[in-house]
Protein backbone atom coordinates (compact mmCIF):
# COMPACT_ATOMS: atom_id res chain seq x y z
CA MET A 1 35.42 52.42 -63.09
CA LYS A 2 34.93 56.83 -61.98
CA LEU A 3 31.58 57.17 -62.25
CA PHE A 4 32.25 59.89 -64.84
CA SER A 5 33.43 57.21 -67.50
CA LEU A 6 30.64 55.20 -66.57
CA LEU A 7 28.44 58.50 -67.90
CA VAL A 8 30.86 58.84 -71.05
CA LEU A 9 30.05 55.29 -71.77
CA ALA A 10 26.42 55.54 -71.15
CA LEU A 11 25.97 58.45 -73.14
CA SER A 12 27.86 57.10 -75.96
CA THR A 13 26.29 53.48 -75.75
CA GLY A 14 22.41 55.04 -75.09
CA ALA A 15 22.79 52.59 -72.51
CA ALA A 16 19.40 52.99 -69.88
CA VAL A 17 18.47 56.16 -72.74
CA ALA A 18 14.49 55.35 -73.42
CA ALA A 19 13.84 54.95 -77.39
CA ASP A 20 12.00 58.25 -77.67
CA ASN A 21 14.95 59.99 -76.51
CA PRO A 22 15.38 62.69 -79.32
CA PHE A 23 19.44 62.33 -79.13
CA ALA A 24 18.79 58.95 -79.80
CA LYS A 25 16.68 58.94 -82.36
CA HIS A 26 17.99 62.31 -84.08
CA GLY A 27 21.77 62.76 -83.41
CA ARG A 28 23.07 65.10 -81.50
CA LEU A 29 22.84 69.11 -81.93
CA ARG A 30 24.39 71.58 -84.17
CA VAL A 31 23.26 74.82 -85.50
CA ALA A 32 21.78 74.52 -88.51
CA LYS A 33 23.01 75.90 -91.83
CA SER A 34 20.68 79.56 -91.21
CA GLY A 35 22.43 80.50 -88.23
CA THR A 36 19.34 80.94 -86.56
CA TYR A 37 18.28 77.63 -84.93
CA LEU A 38 19.76 74.46 -83.50
CA GLU A 39 19.11 70.42 -85.07
CA HIS A 40 19.89 67.27 -84.83
CA ALA A 41 22.42 65.91 -87.13
CA ASP A 42 19.62 64.48 -89.17
CA GLY A 43 18.07 68.33 -89.15
CA THR A 44 15.35 67.91 -87.50
CA PRO A 45 15.12 71.33 -85.81
CA PHE A 46 15.56 71.50 -81.78
CA PHE A 47 12.80 73.65 -79.95
CA PHE A 48 15.44 75.31 -77.36
CA LEU A 49 12.94 75.52 -73.95
CA ALA A 50 15.11 75.93 -70.73
CA ASP A 51 14.58 75.66 -67.84
CA THR A 52 16.49 77.76 -64.96
CA CYS A 53 18.02 75.34 -62.33
CA TRP A 54 21.43 76.85 -61.27
CA ALA A 55 21.71 75.68 -57.89
CA GLY A 56 19.76 72.13 -58.61
CA PRO A 57 22.63 69.61 -59.74
CA ALA A 58 24.70 70.50 -56.13
CA LEU A 59 21.86 70.91 -53.90
CA SER A 60 18.71 68.37 -54.92
CA THR A 61 18.79 64.51 -53.81
CA GLU A 62 19.25 62.46 -56.16
CA GLU A 63 15.24 61.39 -55.85
CA ASP A 64 14.27 65.05 -55.59
CA TRP A 65 16.43 65.08 -58.69
CA HIS A 66 14.24 62.74 -60.76
CA LYS A 67 11.60 63.97 -59.90
CA TYR A 68 12.03 67.53 -60.90
CA LEU A 69 13.14 66.19 -64.51
CA HIS A 70 10.13 63.99 -64.77
CA ASP A 71 8.11 67.20 -64.31
CA ARG A 72 9.94 69.24 -66.80
CA VAL A 73 9.53 66.71 -69.29
CA LYS A 74 5.60 66.40 -68.52
CA LYS A 75 5.57 70.62 -68.93
CA GLY A 76 7.77 70.48 -72.56
CA PHE A 77 10.87 71.89 -71.99
CA THR A 78 13.71 70.98 -73.52
CA ALA A 79 16.63 72.00 -71.32
CA ILE A 80 17.78 72.17 -68.27
CA GLN A 81 19.71 75.00 -67.43
CA PHE A 82 22.29 75.63 -64.41
CA ASN A 83 25.39 76.43 -62.99
CA VAL A 84 28.71 73.55 -62.14
CA VAL A 85 30.97 76.11 -59.87
CA SER A 86 30.99 76.13 -56.10
CA PRO A 87 31.82 79.02 -54.56
CA TRP A 88 28.38 80.49 -55.84
CA ARG A 89 26.77 82.85 -53.51
CA VAL A 90 23.16 80.64 -53.77
CA ALA A 91 25.49 77.21 -53.29
CA PRO A 92 28.53 78.42 -52.04
CA THR A 93 29.51 73.99 -51.66
CA ASP A 94 26.85 71.22 -52.66
CA ALA A 95 24.62 69.81 -50.07
CA GLN A 96 27.89 67.82 -49.12
CA GLY A 97 30.08 71.02 -48.38
CA ASN A 98 32.44 70.27 -50.76
CA ILE A 99 34.01 73.01 -53.73
CA SER A 100 34.15 72.07 -57.31
CA TYR A 101 38.30 72.28 -57.48
CA ILE A 102 41.57 71.94 -55.58
CA LEU A 103 43.96 74.35 -55.29
CA LYS A 104 47.19 72.90 -54.27
CA GLY A 105 50.31 75.17 -54.70
CA GLY A 106 48.62 77.13 -57.22
CA GLN A 107 47.60 73.99 -59.45
CA LEU A 108 44.22 73.59 -59.64
CA THR A 109 42.67 70.20 -60.13
CA LEU A 110 38.83 69.49 -59.88
CA HIS A 111 36.51 68.22 -56.71
CA GLU A 112 36.11 64.60 -57.72
CA LYS A 113 33.50 63.98 -54.51
CA PHE A 114 31.82 67.44 -56.16
CA TYR A 115 31.84 66.25 -59.72
CA GLN A 116 30.66 62.73 -59.08
CA ARG A 117 27.25 64.20 -57.41
CA LEU A 118 27.22 66.52 -60.58
CA ASP A 119 27.89 63.40 -62.84
CA ALA A 120 24.81 61.65 -61.61
CA ARG A 121 22.62 64.81 -62.39
CA LEU A 122 23.99 65.62 -65.99
CA LYS A 123 23.44 61.97 -67.35
CA ALA A 124 19.44 61.97 -65.98
CA ILE A 125 19.26 65.22 -67.47
CA ASN A 126 20.21 63.58 -70.83
CA ASP A 127 18.27 60.16 -70.07
CA ALA A 128 15.14 62.28 -69.83
CA GLY A 129 15.46 63.61 -73.32
CA LEU A 130 16.66 67.57 -72.40
CA LEU A 131 19.98 68.98 -73.51
CA ALA A 132 22.32 70.12 -70.51
CA VAL A 133 23.10 73.51 -70.34
CA PRO A 134 25.52 74.16 -68.00
CA VAL A 135 27.51 77.54 -66.77
CA LEU A 136 31.05 76.67 -66.41
CA CYS A 137 32.43 79.51 -64.27
CA TRP A 138 30.21 82.01 -62.77
CA SER A 139 31.31 85.89 -62.74
CA HIS A 140 29.52 88.51 -61.29
CA LYS A 141 30.59 88.89 -57.71
CA ARG A 142 34.03 88.88 -56.00
CA THR A 143 33.27 85.64 -54.71
CA ASP A 144 32.30 83.40 -57.78
CA ALA A 145 35.46 81.42 -59.10
CA GLY A 146 35.45 83.69 -62.15
CA ASN A 147 36.84 86.57 -59.73
CA LEU A 148 38.66 83.96 -57.13
CA LEU A 149 40.46 82.77 -59.68
CA THR A 150 43.22 83.67 -61.56
CA GLU A 151 43.00 83.58 -65.71
CA GLU A 152 44.77 80.83 -66.21
CA GLN A 153 43.09 78.68 -63.31
CA ILE A 154 39.89 79.28 -64.85
CA ILE A 155 41.22 77.95 -68.76
CA THR A 156 42.32 74.97 -66.57
CA LEU A 157 38.70 75.00 -64.74
CA CYS A 158 36.62 74.84 -68.27
CA LYS A 159 39.34 72.69 -70.23
CA LEU A 160 38.25 69.96 -67.43
CA GLN A 161 34.82 70.29 -66.94
CA VAL A 162 34.60 70.25 -71.54
CA ALA A 163 36.55 67.10 -70.78
CA ARG A 164 35.30 65.51 -68.57
CA TYR A 165 31.68 65.99 -70.67
CA LYS A 166 32.40 66.15 -74.20
CA GLU A 167 30.20 62.77 -74.75
CA ALA A 168 26.99 64.61 -73.19
CA HIS A 169 24.53 66.20 -75.27
CA VAL A 170 25.44 69.55 -73.87
CA MET A 171 25.28 73.38 -74.70
CA TRP A 172 27.81 75.53 -72.94
CA ILE A 173 27.75 78.70 -71.16
CA LEU A 174 31.18 79.69 -70.78
CA ALA A 175 30.35 82.55 -67.61
CA GLY A 176 27.58 83.96 -65.91
CA ASP A 177 26.53 87.54 -65.34
CA ASN A 178 29.25 89.15 -66.46
CA PRO A 179 29.24 92.36 -68.44
CA TYR A 180 31.69 91.38 -71.27
CA ARG A 181 32.39 95.13 -71.35
CA GLY A 182 36.26 96.13 -71.73
CA ALA A 183 39.31 94.57 -69.67
CA ASP A 184 36.08 91.44 -69.03
CA ALA A 185 35.25 91.35 -72.55
CA ASP A 186 38.82 90.87 -73.38
CA LYS A 187 39.49 88.50 -70.46
CA TRP A 188 36.45 85.89 -71.34
CA LYS A 189 37.39 86.05 -75.24
CA ARG A 190 40.97 84.94 -74.27
CA ILE A 191 39.48 82.58 -71.60
CA GLY A 192 36.81 81.40 -74.69
CA ARG A 193 39.67 80.66 -77.47
CA ALA A 194 41.77 78.64 -74.96
CA VAL A 195 39.09 76.67 -74.17
CA PHE A 196 37.46 75.87 -77.27
CA GLY A 197 39.62 77.36 -79.76
CA ASP A 198 39.47 79.68 -82.57
CA LYS A 199 36.60 77.51 -83.83
CA THR A 200 34.69 74.54 -82.78
CA SER A 201 31.96 72.10 -82.96
CA ALA A 202 30.31 72.19 -79.98
CA LEU A 203 27.58 74.73 -79.20
CA VAL A 204 29.07 77.60 -77.00
CA THR A 205 27.06 80.80 -75.09
CA THR A 206 27.74 82.58 -73.04
CA HIS A 207 25.84 84.84 -70.31
CA PRO A 208 25.63 88.48 -69.60
CA THR A 209 24.46 90.85 -67.41
CA GLY A 210 20.32 92.32 -67.65
CA GLU A 211 19.92 94.54 -70.32
CA ASN A 212 23.50 94.41 -72.28
CA TRP A 213 24.03 93.23 -75.50
CA PRO A 214 27.73 93.31 -75.68
CA TRP A 215 27.66 91.31 -78.96
CA ASN A 216 28.69 93.99 -81.90
CA ASP A 217 32.66 93.04 -80.55
CA TRP A 218 32.73 89.73 -80.67
CA GLU A 219 31.98 88.78 -84.36
CA ASP A 220 35.40 87.54 -84.52
CA GLU A 221 34.75 84.93 -82.28
CA LYS A 222 34.18 82.05 -83.85
CA TRP A 223 33.85 79.79 -80.66
CA LEU A 224 30.50 81.63 -79.73
CA SER A 225 28.07 79.95 -81.78
CA VAL A 226 24.75 80.68 -79.95
CA LEU A 227 24.72 84.67 -78.88
CA GLY A 228 22.69 84.82 -75.00
CA TYR A 229 21.18 87.56 -73.80
CA GLN A 230 19.19 88.17 -70.67
CA SER A 231 16.34 90.68 -70.76
CA GLY A 232 16.44 90.07 -66.80
CA HIS A 233 14.12 91.41 -63.83
CA GLY A 234 13.06 94.62 -64.74
CA ASP A 235 9.34 95.84 -65.28
CA SER A 236 9.89 99.41 -66.04
CA ASP A 237 9.54 100.66 -69.45
CA GLN A 238 12.73 101.27 -69.83
CA THR A 239 13.09 97.03 -69.48
CA TRP A 240 10.52 96.69 -71.70
CA LYS A 241 11.17 98.75 -74.64
CA TRP A 242 14.78 97.60 -74.34
CA LEU A 243 13.61 93.93 -74.76
CA HIS A 244 11.05 94.21 -78.15
CA SER A 245 12.27 97.50 -79.48
CA GLY A 246 16.25 97.49 -78.60
CA PRO A 247 19.62 95.58 -79.17
CA PRO A 248 17.62 91.97 -79.89
CA ALA A 249 15.54 93.84 -82.42
CA GLU A 250 17.85 95.21 -84.10
CA TYR A 251 19.92 92.28 -84.18
CA GLY A 252 16.56 90.52 -85.88
CA LYS A 253 16.14 93.38 -88.51
CA ARG A 254 19.70 92.04 -89.60
CA LYS A 255 18.92 90.08 -93.82
CA ALA A 256 22.11 87.01 -92.74
CA PHE A 257 22.34 85.42 -89.27
CA ALA A 258 25.26 83.99 -88.28
CA ARG A 259 24.34 82.86 -85.19
CA PRO A 260 21.24 81.47 -83.08
CA VAL A 261 20.18 84.66 -80.62
CA ILE A 262 18.07 83.40 -77.10
CA ASN A 263 17.06 85.03 -74.22
CA LEU A 264 18.69 83.52 -71.62
CA GLU A 265 16.78 85.22 -68.48
CA PRO A 266 13.63 86.90 -69.24
CA PRO A 267 11.77 87.20 -66.08
CA TYR A 268 11.65 85.07 -63.57
CA GLU A 269 8.03 84.26 -62.86
CA GLY A 270 7.37 84.98 -58.76
CA HIS A 271 10.84 87.20 -58.74
CA ASN A 272 10.13 90.63 -57.73
CA GLY A 273 10.04 93.43 -60.30
CA TYR A 274 13.35 95.65 -59.77
CA SER A 275 10.98 98.63 -60.04
CA SER A 276 7.76 97.55 -58.65
CA ARG A 277 9.25 95.40 -55.98
CA LYS A 278 6.22 93.09 -56.56
CA PRO A 279 6.10 89.41 -58.28
CA HIS A 280 6.39 89.10 -62.57
CA SER A 281 3.39 87.25 -62.57
CA ASP A 282 2.81 84.76 -65.22
CA TYR A 283 1.48 87.09 -67.61
CA SER A 284 4.64 89.36 -66.77
CA THR A 285 6.60 86.34 -67.48
CA ARG A 286 5.02 84.70 -70.78
CA ARG A 287 5.03 88.23 -72.27
CA ALA A 288 8.45 88.63 -72.34
CA ILE A 289 9.27 85.07 -73.59
CA TYR A 290 6.48 85.37 -76.44
CA TRP A 291 8.46 89.14 -77.20
CA SER A 292 11.60 87.35 -76.91
CA LEU A 293 10.71 84.30 -79.83
CA LEU A 294 9.11 86.98 -82.53
CA VAL A 295 11.40 89.87 -82.53
CA HIS A 296 14.12 88.24 -83.80
CA PRO A 297 14.54 84.61 -85.61
CA PRO A 298 13.76 82.04 -83.00
CA ALA A 299 15.78 79.27 -81.49
CA GLY A 300 14.34 79.32 -78.67
CA VAL A 301 13.90 80.39 -75.12
CA THR A 302 14.56 79.87 -71.32
CA TYR A 303 12.13 80.14 -68.33
CA GLY A 304 12.84 80.86 -64.78
CA ALA A 305 10.16 80.21 -61.73
CA HIS A 306 11.54 81.99 -58.36
CA GLY A 307 12.28 79.24 -55.78
CA VAL A 308 13.21 76.68 -58.45
CA TRP A 309 16.40 78.51 -60.06
CA SER A 310 17.74 78.79 -56.47
CA TRP A 311 16.77 75.15 -55.39
CA HIS A 312 14.72 76.79 -51.86
CA THR A 313 14.14 74.50 -49.47
CA LYS A 314 13.41 77.26 -46.91
CA PRO A 315 9.60 78.49 -46.66
CA GLY A 316 9.01 81.97 -45.84
CA GLU A 317 12.88 83.24 -47.25
CA GLU A 318 14.11 84.86 -49.89
CA PRO A 319 17.19 83.37 -51.77
CA THR A 320 20.51 83.39 -50.48
CA ASP A 321 22.55 86.69 -50.83
CA HIS A 322 19.91 87.75 -53.25
CA PRO A 323 18.38 90.72 -51.18
CA GLY A 324 15.34 92.08 -52.76
CA SER A 325 14.19 89.57 -54.65
CA GLY A 326 11.50 88.45 -53.25
CA VAL A 327 10.30 86.01 -50.75
CA ALA A 328 10.65 82.28 -52.96
CA LYS A 329 8.39 79.26 -52.73
CA VAL A 330 10.12 75.68 -51.99
CA TRP A 331 11.10 74.41 -55.61
CA SER A 332 8.72 71.29 -54.84
CA GLU A 333 5.76 74.42 -55.34
CA ALA A 334 7.84 76.54 -56.97
CA ILE A 335 7.66 73.63 -60.02
CA ASP A 336 3.99 74.53 -60.80
CA LEU A 337 4.34 77.78 -60.80
CA PRO A 338 1.17 78.84 -63.87
CA GLY A 339 3.52 80.56 -66.21
CA ALA A 340 5.79 76.57 -66.52
CA GLY A 341 2.48 74.64 -67.08
CA GLN A 342 1.57 77.40 -70.15
CA LEU A 343 4.96 76.64 -71.86
CA LYS A 344 3.79 73.00 -73.39
CA HIS A 345 0.97 75.46 -75.38
CA LEU A 346 3.76 77.47 -76.45
CA ARG A 347 5.57 74.45 -77.98
CA ALA A 348 2.16 73.30 -79.26
CA LEU A 349 2.18 76.71 -80.95
CA MET A 350 5.44 76.69 -82.22
CA ASN A 351 5.44 73.31 -84.06
CA GLU A 352 2.26 74.49 -85.34
CA VAL A 353 3.35 77.73 -87.16
CA LYS A 354 7.05 75.66 -88.18
CA TRP A 355 8.80 78.01 -85.75
CA HIS A 356 12.71 77.81 -87.48
CA THR A 357 11.79 79.44 -90.22
CA LEU A 358 9.99 82.49 -88.60
CA ARG A 359 11.56 85.96 -89.10
CA PRO A 360 10.37 89.17 -87.83
CA ALA A 361 7.59 91.35 -90.14
CA GLN A 362 6.96 94.07 -87.27
CA GLU A 363 6.18 96.74 -90.68
CA VAL A 364 2.87 95.05 -91.08
CA VAL A 365 1.74 95.83 -87.97
CA HIS A 366 0.58 99.39 -86.67
CA GLN A 367 0.36 100.51 -83.26
CA ASN A 368 0.54 104.74 -82.86
CA ASP A 369 1.93 105.58 -79.36
CA ALA A 370 1.54 101.98 -77.88
CA PRO A 371 2.60 101.60 -73.75
CA ALA A 372 5.82 100.14 -73.52
CA ASP A 373 4.38 96.95 -71.63
CA GLN A 374 1.40 96.40 -74.70
CA TYR A 375 3.73 96.37 -77.56
CA THR A 376 2.47 93.67 -80.24
CA VAL A 377 5.14 91.80 -82.63
CA CYS A 378 4.95 89.85 -85.69
CA ALA A 379 6.83 87.66 -87.26
CA ARG A 380 6.68 85.51 -91.05
CA ALA A 381 6.94 81.56 -91.75
CA ALA A 382 8.19 80.78 -95.09
CA ASP A 383 4.72 79.59 -96.24
CA GLY A 384 3.57 82.89 -95.32
CA THR A 385 2.15 82.30 -92.09
CA TYR A 386 1.51 85.16 -89.43
CA VAL A 387 2.08 84.90 -86.16
CA VAL A 388 0.65 88.33 -83.94
CA TYR A 389 1.74 88.66 -80.13
CA PHE A 390 -1.16 90.82 -78.34
CA PRO A 391 -0.12 91.14 -74.79
CA ALA A 392 -3.25 92.23 -73.05
CA LYS A 393 -6.15 94.99 -74.26
CA THR A 394 -4.23 95.82 -77.02
CA PRO A 395 -6.01 95.96 -80.21
CA ALA A 396 -3.82 96.84 -83.07
CA ARG A 397 -4.24 97.63 -87.31
CA LEU A 398 -2.45 95.18 -90.53
CA SER A 399 -1.00 97.38 -92.91
CA PRO A 400 -3.00 97.87 -96.03
CA HIS A 401 -1.47 95.47 -98.14
CA LEU A 402 -1.78 92.82 -95.97
CA SER A 403 -5.60 93.55 -94.43
CA ALA A 404 -6.12 93.22 -98.16
CA THR A 405 -5.60 89.58 -98.25
CA VAL A 406 -7.75 88.82 -94.93
CA ALA A 407 -10.20 87.15 -96.18
CA ASP A 408 -8.20 84.18 -98.29
CA VAL A 409 -6.95 83.53 -95.46
CA SER A 410 -7.68 81.01 -92.40
CA LEU A 411 -7.77 83.40 -89.32
CA ARG A 412 -7.87 81.37 -85.73
CA TRP A 413 -6.52 83.21 -82.36
CA PHE A 414 -4.64 80.86 -80.05
CA ASN A 415 -5.36 80.67 -76.03
CA PRO A 416 -1.21 81.03 -74.29
CA ARG A 417 -3.00 80.05 -71.57
CA THR A 418 -4.53 77.61 -72.33
CA GLY A 419 -3.86 76.49 -75.65
CA GLU A 420 -7.42 76.33 -76.74
CA TRP A 421 -7.67 77.31 -81.04
CA GLY A 422 -10.81 79.88 -82.12
CA ARG A 423 -11.51 81.63 -84.74
CA PRO A 424 -11.68 85.62 -83.75
CA ALA A 425 -15.63 86.17 -82.83
CA ASN A 426 -14.76 89.82 -83.88
CA ALA A 427 -12.51 90.12 -87.10
CA ASP A 428 -14.43 91.79 -89.97
CA PRO A 429 -12.34 90.88 -92.93
CA THR A 430 -13.32 94.32 -94.53
CA ARG A 431 -11.49 95.87 -92.37
CA ASP A 432 -7.98 96.10 -91.02
CA LYS A 433 -8.14 96.26 -87.32
CA LEU A 434 -8.64 92.99 -85.07
CA SER A 435 -9.16 92.52 -81.88
CA PRO A 436 -8.28 89.50 -79.10
CA PRO A 437 -11.13 87.97 -78.25
CA ASP A 438 -10.87 89.64 -74.26
CA ASP A 439 -8.86 91.59 -72.83
CA ASN A 440 -6.31 89.08 -71.90
CA ASP A 441 -3.12 88.20 -73.99
CA TRP A 442 -3.74 86.34 -77.65
CA VAL A 443 -1.65 85.41 -80.39
CA LEU A 444 -3.54 85.56 -84.12
CA VAL A 445 -2.15 82.99 -86.48
CA MET A 446 -2.55 84.02 -90.12
CA LYS A 447 -2.21 80.83 -92.54
CA PRO A 448 -2.19 81.67 -96.32
């Protein structure tokens, strides 16, 4: 029996799957009725917290892959985001020199040796209780498969991959790093319809270029069940404003939501910022993640570590064909960048405040001419709990109608760096100004 058949059998029967595996306990994933988040078949909300490991399945050893997955489960991740097609500029082939497809006489077939490796890596993701989030076809540079192949060949490639892993626990990313404008948008709409049909029960998103929100013209693409975006690796005021006050926030103001929204690529920790040319710190990455969760109804978010996404193995170098991104740590060191460890605190906070019911409540925060990188964001849960994220050095005023009730609520500060809770030491219930305990970033939780 071929390895991919064994994969299907194992996933369908639950063989070799731990008893606490969330898919075994709660069932497959779907979009919740609210249209704002993912849930299991039994209605249990699923917080999408993905790690970016684009080149990991192609380049890792089996032992290293299991070590990596164990680490990500320990740190609270729920999904792994990766690329499944070579040639791609970081991984032109897999570790054995194989590309992912064979072209003969204009006909495309899958390269079995390439996919046998991928079968094992994807099965390991699911067996670890993690959602697999594969990019079916990268389409940014001319050397990417999405630009080397004809439209019909791309459709064939994607259909073969979807058929191969249809029993796995997967959210598909149709294409990576495409602008989805003009002719490109028309092309990928046609490909999406051809691969997934007019409407699908599968979870499907796609991955646009940075600071790009093309989805206003995609309302009729029923196969696109999740809206992904990329705030990217910029660190200018323009980038921050786009993230916390631009198209994602505008979507968050809607009264009805048809699809969950996920930032699939906030700034990678350790990756050089486009403006400063200095590495993004854990704070820079963490701030972008909190903004991404509170400016629109949260479904989840993706994290990236410079060196992990490229499965970097050579110290002292930049990732292949990514000049200017900065020297990367090797993957086994980069998995321990501080921001990754802080994500388990984020998950604990989200569970505490019933994250799947949060809606933007920016109207209750007053901040006159706040710098773009010090923008305070607020969301309100269905039970009346307010969650306010304060970037470093940014006290803010609450609106009068909310501050009048401050004396009647539970006020606690949450430390996003350590996960520690405590009452605000300098909150005056008679005033409408709340200052964080110190000059670091903090989260204020107000419960009725």
